N, C-alpha and C. Protein backbone atom coordinates (compact mmCIF):
# COMPACT_ATOMS: atom_id res chain seq x y z
N MET A 1 0.83 -1.18 0.01
CA MET A 1 0.04 0.01 0.03
C MET A 1 0.92 1.21 0.02
N ALA A 2 0.62 2.16 -0.83
CA ALA A 2 1.37 3.46 -0.95
C ALA A 2 1.07 4.34 0.23
N LYS A 3 2.11 5.18 0.63
CA LYS A 3 1.85 6.11 1.66
C LYS A 3 0.90 7.22 1.17
N THR A 4 0.12 7.67 2.18
CA THR A 4 -0.75 8.82 1.78
C THR A 4 0.12 10.11 1.77
N LYS A 5 -0.04 10.84 0.73
CA LYS A 5 0.73 12.13 0.72
C LYS A 5 -0.22 13.31 1.15
N VAL A 6 0.28 14.00 2.17
CA VAL A 6 -0.38 15.15 2.72
C VAL A 6 0.33 16.31 2.22
N THR A 7 -0.35 17.32 1.55
CA THR A 7 0.38 18.44 1.06
C THR A 7 -0.09 19.67 1.89
N PHE A 8 0.87 20.72 2.12
CA PHE A 8 0.65 21.79 2.98
C PHE A 8 0.82 23.04 2.19
N LYS A 9 -0.03 24.04 2.45
CA LYS A 9 -0.04 25.34 1.79
C LYS A 9 -0.18 26.44 2.74
N THR A 10 0.72 27.49 2.69
CA THR A 10 0.50 28.60 3.66
C THR A 10 -0.45 29.63 3.02
N VAL A 11 -1.26 30.22 3.87
CA VAL A 11 -2.30 31.22 3.38
C VAL A 11 -2.37 32.36 4.38
N ARG A 12 -2.19 33.61 3.80
CA ARG A 12 -2.28 34.85 4.58
C ARG A 12 -3.74 35.15 4.77
N ILE A 13 -4.11 35.48 6.10
CA ILE A 13 -5.42 35.85 6.45
C ILE A 13 -5.40 37.43 6.61
N ALA A 14 -4.44 37.91 7.32
CA ALA A 14 -4.29 39.32 7.64
C ALA A 14 -2.75 39.54 7.88
N ASP A 15 -2.34 40.77 8.19
CA ASP A 15 -0.90 41.07 8.29
C ASP A 15 -0.16 40.07 9.23
N ASN A 16 -0.70 39.89 10.40
CA ASN A 16 0.05 38.98 11.35
C ASN A 16 -0.78 37.77 11.60
N ASP A 17 -1.57 37.22 10.66
CA ASP A 17 -2.36 36.13 10.84
C ASP A 17 -2.25 35.15 9.62
N TRP A 18 -1.61 34.03 9.78
CA TRP A 18 -1.38 33.04 8.77
C TRP A 18 -1.94 31.72 9.13
N LYS A 19 -2.27 30.87 8.17
CA LYS A 19 -2.63 29.53 8.48
C LYS A 19 -2.10 28.63 7.45
N ILE A 20 -2.08 27.22 7.79
CA ILE A 20 -1.67 26.25 6.87
C ILE A 20 -2.85 25.39 6.55
N LEU A 21 -3.01 25.15 5.27
CA LEU A 21 -4.05 24.22 4.79
C LEU A 21 -3.36 22.87 4.50
N ALA A 22 -3.86 21.79 5.14
CA ALA A 22 -3.39 20.52 4.97
C ALA A 22 -4.36 19.72 4.06
N ASP A 23 -3.89 19.28 2.92
CA ASP A 23 -4.80 18.56 1.99
C ASP A 23 -4.49 17.11 2.06
N TYR A 24 -5.54 16.36 2.32
CA TYR A 24 -5.57 14.85 2.48
C TYR A 24 -6.23 14.31 1.17
N PRO A 25 -5.67 13.39 0.52
CA PRO A 25 -6.41 12.70 -0.55
C PRO A 25 -7.64 12.01 -0.08
N ASP A 26 -8.81 12.22 -0.75
CA ASP A 26 -10.10 11.65 -0.45
C ASP A 26 -10.58 11.99 1.08
N SER A 27 -10.19 13.18 1.51
CA SER A 27 -10.63 13.60 2.84
C SER A 27 -10.77 15.07 2.88
N GLU A 28 -11.37 15.56 3.96
CA GLU A 28 -11.59 17.01 4.06
C GLU A 28 -10.26 17.79 4.31
N GLN A 29 -10.15 19.02 3.77
CA GLN A 29 -8.97 19.79 4.05
C GLN A 29 -9.01 20.26 5.54
N ARG A 30 -7.78 20.34 6.17
CA ARG A 30 -7.68 20.77 7.57
C ARG A 30 -6.93 22.02 7.64
N GLU A 31 -7.25 22.89 8.62
CA GLU A 31 -6.51 24.06 8.81
C GLU A 31 -5.69 23.97 10.11
N ILE A 32 -4.48 24.48 10.01
CA ILE A 32 -3.61 24.61 11.20
C ILE A 32 -3.51 26.17 11.39
N LYS A 33 -3.99 26.69 12.42
CA LYS A 33 -4.01 28.19 12.63
C LYS A 33 -3.02 28.68 13.64
N GLY A 34 -2.85 29.92 13.76
CA GLY A 34 -2.08 30.58 14.86
C GLY A 34 -0.66 30.95 14.54
N PHE A 35 -0.41 31.19 13.26
CA PHE A 35 0.93 31.64 12.77
C PHE A 35 0.94 33.08 12.65
N THR A 36 2.06 33.73 12.98
CA THR A 36 2.15 35.21 12.97
C THR A 36 2.84 35.72 11.70
N SER A 37 3.45 34.88 10.87
CA SER A 37 4.16 35.23 9.68
C SER A 37 4.22 34.04 8.70
N LYS A 38 4.61 34.29 7.47
CA LYS A 38 4.87 33.28 6.56
C LYS A 38 6.10 32.44 7.03
N ALA A 39 7.04 33.12 7.51
CA ALA A 39 8.24 32.47 8.00
C ALA A 39 7.96 31.56 9.18
N ASP A 40 7.09 31.90 10.09
CA ASP A 40 6.58 31.10 11.19
C ASP A 40 5.94 29.81 10.56
N ALA A 41 5.00 29.95 9.57
CA ALA A 41 4.31 28.89 9.00
C ALA A 41 5.34 27.98 8.27
N ASP A 42 6.21 28.55 7.55
CA ASP A 42 7.27 27.76 6.79
C ASP A 42 8.11 26.96 7.75
N ASP A 43 8.48 27.61 8.91
CA ASP A 43 9.26 26.80 9.91
C ASP A 43 8.50 25.62 10.40
N TRP A 44 7.13 25.76 10.59
CA TRP A 44 6.36 24.64 11.03
C TRP A 44 6.37 23.50 9.98
N ILE A 45 6.21 23.91 8.67
CA ILE A 45 6.20 22.94 7.65
C ILE A 45 7.52 22.21 7.52
N ASN A 46 8.52 22.89 7.74
CA ASN A 46 9.95 22.34 7.48
C ASN A 46 10.62 21.81 8.74
N GLY A 47 9.83 21.83 9.84
CA GLY A 47 10.40 21.31 11.14
C GLY A 47 9.73 20.20 11.77
N ASP A 48 10.09 19.99 13.02
CA ASP A 48 9.58 18.84 13.84
C ASP A 48 8.12 18.93 14.17
N ARG A 49 7.54 20.14 14.16
CA ARG A 49 6.17 20.34 14.55
C ARG A 49 5.18 19.66 13.52
N LYS A 50 5.61 19.66 12.22
CA LYS A 50 4.77 19.03 11.22
C LYS A 50 4.84 17.55 11.48
N ILE A 51 6.01 16.98 11.77
CA ILE A 51 6.03 15.47 11.95
C ILE A 51 5.17 15.16 13.13
N ALA A 52 5.26 15.90 14.30
CA ALA A 52 4.43 15.71 15.44
C ALA A 52 2.93 15.79 15.05
N TRP A 53 2.51 16.81 14.27
CA TRP A 53 1.16 16.93 13.90
C TRP A 53 0.72 15.72 13.04
N LEU A 54 1.48 15.33 12.10
CA LEU A 54 1.16 14.13 11.29
C LEU A 54 1.01 12.88 12.13
N ARG A 55 1.93 12.76 13.16
CA ARG A 55 1.70 11.57 14.02
C ARG A 55 0.42 11.61 14.75
N SER A 56 0.01 12.88 15.17
CA SER A 56 -1.23 13.06 15.99
C SER A 56 -2.40 12.75 15.16
N GLN A 57 -2.28 12.81 13.84
CA GLN A 57 -3.37 12.66 12.90
C GLN A 57 -3.38 11.13 12.38
N GLY A 58 -2.33 10.40 12.70
CA GLY A 58 -2.20 9.05 12.22
C GLY A 58 -1.52 8.89 10.94
N TYR A 59 -0.80 9.89 10.45
CA TYR A 59 -0.18 9.85 9.13
C TYR A 59 1.33 9.69 9.13
N ALA A 60 1.93 9.52 10.37
CA ALA A 60 3.30 9.25 10.45
C ALA A 60 3.62 8.41 11.75
N LYS A 61 4.74 7.75 11.64
CA LYS A 61 5.07 6.81 12.85
C LYS A 61 6.16 7.54 13.63
């Protein structure tokens, strides 16, 4: 069985308000909120917090 690929996209809501959209194949899109800048959201995507979040969702070991 192939691994499920979750894709992430940063979205600006306001000057200091950013969120990440997580797209799951054959599932509802999820929002991760509470980022103050694009750099903050990018750090989340490229760091350990993404792996921890994927584990909490059952998509990583």
